[in-house]
Amino acid sequence: MKATVIRFALGLIVGGALGYGWHRLVGCSTGACPLTATPLRGISYGAVMGLIWALGRA
């Protein structure tokens, strides 16, 4: 049980960090990329992808 919670938390944290990194590296100056247009959207999208990855690994 505890390992599962840690896996989900790590998935959210790592995914959010990768989403923020993607926003900082690639970014979006035209507004045509809604998933990484702002840092919050990049973090949110990354966290969701990290959670989906963690659920698949469970």
N, C-alpha and C. Protein backbone atom coordinates (compact mmCIF):
# COMPACT_ATOMS: atom_id res chain seq x y z
N MET A 1 0.83 -1.19 0.00
CA MET A 1 0.00 0.00 0.00
C MET A 1 0.88 1.26 0.00
N LYS A 2 1.85 1.28 0.91
CA LYS A 2 2.72 2.45 1.01
C LYS A 2 3.56 2.63 -0.25
N ALA A 3 4.01 1.53 -0.84
CA ALA A 3 4.82 1.60 -2.06
C ALA A 3 3.99 2.14 -3.22
N THR A 4 2.72 1.81 -3.26
CA THR A 4 1.85 2.30 -4.33
C THR A 4 1.66 3.80 -4.22
N VAL A 5 1.45 4.29 -3.01
CA VAL A 5 1.29 5.73 -2.80
C VAL A 5 2.56 6.47 -3.19
N ILE A 6 3.70 5.91 -2.81
CA ILE A 6 4.98 6.53 -3.17
C ILE A 6 5.16 6.53 -4.68
N ARG A 7 4.79 5.45 -5.35
CA ARG A 7 4.91 5.38 -6.81
C ARG A 7 4.03 6.43 -7.49
N PHE A 8 2.80 6.60 -7.00
CA PHE A 8 1.91 7.60 -7.58
C PHE A 8 2.43 9.01 -7.32
N ALA A 9 2.93 9.25 -6.12
CA ALA A 9 3.47 10.57 -5.79
C ALA A 9 4.69 10.89 -6.65
N LEU A 10 5.56 9.91 -6.81
CA LEU A 10 6.73 10.13 -7.66
C LEU A 10 6.33 10.35 -9.11
N GLY A 11 5.32 9.63 -9.57
CA GLY A 11 4.82 9.84 -10.93
C GLY A 11 4.32 11.26 -11.13
N LEU A 12 3.59 11.77 -10.13
CA LEU A 12 3.09 13.15 -10.22
C LEU A 12 4.23 14.16 -10.19
N ILE A 13 5.18 13.96 -9.28
CA ILE A 13 6.28 14.91 -9.13
C ILE A 13 7.18 14.91 -10.34
N VAL A 14 7.60 13.73 -10.76
CA VAL A 14 8.50 13.64 -11.92
C VAL A 14 7.79 14.12 -13.19
N GLY A 15 6.54 13.73 -13.36
CA GLY A 15 5.78 14.19 -14.53
C GLY A 15 5.60 15.70 -14.54
N GLY A 16 5.30 16.26 -13.38
CA GLY A 16 5.16 17.71 -13.30
C GLY A 16 6.46 18.43 -13.60
N ALA A 17 7.57 17.88 -13.10
CA ALA A 17 8.88 18.49 -13.37
C ALA A 17 9.22 18.40 -14.85
N LEU A 18 8.92 17.27 -15.46
CA LEU A 18 9.18 17.13 -16.90
C LEU A 18 8.29 18.06 -17.72
N GLY A 19 7.04 18.21 -17.30
CA GLY A 19 6.15 19.14 -17.99
C GLY A 19 6.63 20.58 -17.89
N TYR A 20 7.13 20.95 -16.71
CA TYR A 20 7.67 22.30 -16.54
C TYR A 20 8.94 22.46 -17.38
N GLY A 21 9.78 21.44 -17.38
CA GLY A 21 10.99 21.49 -18.20
C GLY A 21 10.66 21.61 -19.68
N TRP A 22 9.65 20.89 -20.11
CA TRP A 22 9.23 20.97 -21.52
C TRP A 22 8.77 22.39 -21.84
N HIS A 23 8.01 22.99 -20.92
CA HIS A 23 7.57 24.37 -21.13
C HIS A 23 8.76 25.31 -21.22
N ARG A 24 9.74 25.14 -20.35
CA ARG A 24 10.89 26.05 -20.34
C ARG A 24 11.78 25.86 -21.57
N LEU A 25 11.96 24.61 -22.01
CA LEU A 25 12.83 24.35 -23.14
C LEU A 25 12.17 24.67 -24.48
N VAL A 26 10.95 24.18 -24.65
CA VAL A 26 10.26 24.34 -25.93
C VAL A 26 9.39 25.59 -25.92
N GLY A 27 8.59 25.71 -24.86
CA GLY A 27 7.74 26.88 -24.72
C GLY A 27 6.73 27.02 -25.83
N CYS A 28 6.12 28.19 -25.85
CA CYS A 28 5.12 28.47 -26.88
C CYS A 28 4.98 29.97 -27.00
N SER A 29 5.45 30.52 -28.07
CA SER A 29 5.36 31.97 -28.26
C SER A 29 4.16 32.38 -29.10
N THR A 30 3.55 31.43 -29.79
CA THR A 30 2.44 31.77 -30.67
C THR A 30 1.08 31.49 -30.06
N GLY A 31 1.02 30.71 -28.99
CA GLY A 31 -0.26 30.34 -28.40
C GLY A 31 -0.91 29.16 -29.11
N ALA A 32 -0.21 28.55 -30.05
CA ALA A 32 -0.78 27.45 -30.82
C ALA A 32 -0.58 26.10 -30.14
N CYS A 33 0.08 26.10 -29.00
CA CYS A 33 0.32 24.84 -28.27
C CYS A 33 -0.31 24.95 -26.88
N PRO A 34 -1.57 24.60 -26.74
CA PRO A 34 -2.29 24.86 -25.50
C PRO A 34 -1.79 24.05 -24.30
N LEU A 35 -1.11 22.94 -24.51
CA LEU A 35 -0.68 22.13 -23.37
C LEU A 35 0.53 22.69 -22.66
N THR A 36 1.35 23.45 -23.34
CA THR A 36 2.54 24.02 -22.71
C THR A 36 2.61 25.53 -22.85
N ALA A 37 1.48 26.18 -23.05
CA ALA A 37 1.48 27.63 -23.25
C ALA A 37 1.89 28.37 -21.99
N THR A 38 1.52 27.86 -20.82
CA THR A 38 1.90 28.48 -19.55
C THR A 38 2.60 27.43 -18.69
N PRO A 39 3.38 27.87 -17.70
CA PRO A 39 4.04 26.89 -16.82
C PRO A 39 3.05 25.99 -16.10
N LEU A 40 1.93 26.55 -15.64
CA LEU A 40 0.94 25.75 -14.92
C LEU A 40 0.35 24.66 -15.81
N ARG A 41 0.10 24.97 -17.06
CA ARG A 41 -0.43 23.95 -17.98
C ARG A 41 0.61 22.88 -18.25
N GLY A 42 1.87 23.27 -18.38
CA GLY A 42 2.92 22.28 -18.59
C GLY A 42 3.05 21.35 -17.40
N ILE A 43 3.00 21.92 -16.19
CA ILE A 43 3.09 21.10 -14.98
C ILE A 43 1.88 20.18 -14.87
N SER A 44 0.69 20.72 -15.14
CA SER A 44 -0.53 19.90 -15.05
C SER A 44 -0.50 18.75 -16.04
N TYR A 45 -0.16 19.06 -17.27
CA TYR A 45 -0.11 18.03 -18.30
C TYR A 45 0.94 16.96 -17.96
N GLY A 46 2.09 17.40 -17.52
CA GLY A 46 3.15 16.46 -17.13
C GLY A 46 2.75 15.60 -15.95
N ALA A 47 2.07 16.21 -14.97
CA ALA A 47 1.63 15.44 -13.80
C ALA A 47 0.61 14.38 -14.18
N VAL A 48 -0.30 14.73 -15.06
CA VAL A 48 -1.31 13.75 -15.51
C VAL A 48 -0.62 12.61 -16.27
N MET A 49 0.32 12.94 -17.14
CA MET A 49 1.05 11.90 -17.87
C MET A 49 1.87 11.02 -16.91
N GLY A 50 2.48 11.64 -15.90
CA GLY A 50 3.22 10.87 -14.91
C GLY A 50 2.32 9.95 -14.11
N LEU A 51 1.13 10.42 -13.77
CA LEU A 51 0.18 9.58 -13.04
C LEU A 51 -0.30 8.42 -13.90
N ILE A 52 -0.56 8.68 -15.16
CA ILE A 52 -0.97 7.60 -16.07
C ILE A 52 0.15 6.57 -16.19
N TRP A 53 1.39 7.03 -16.27
CA TRP A 53 2.53 6.10 -16.33
C TRP A 53 2.62 5.28 -15.05
N ALA A 54 2.43 5.94 -13.90
CA ALA A 54 2.51 5.22 -12.62
C ALA A 54 1.37 4.21 -12.50
N LEU A 55 0.20 4.55 -12.98
CA LEU A 55 -0.92 3.60 -12.95
C LEU A 55 -0.65 2.39 -13.84
N GLY A 56 0.00 2.62 -14.94
CA GLY A 56 0.33 1.52 -15.84
C GLY A 56 1.38 0.59 -15.27
N ARG A 57 2.23 1.12 -14.40
CA ARG A 57 3.30 0.33 -13.79
C ARG A 57 2.83 -0.40 -12.55
N ALA A 58 1.63 -0.07 -12.04
CA ALA A 58 1.16 -0.67 -10.79
C ALA A 58 0.70 -2.05 -10.95
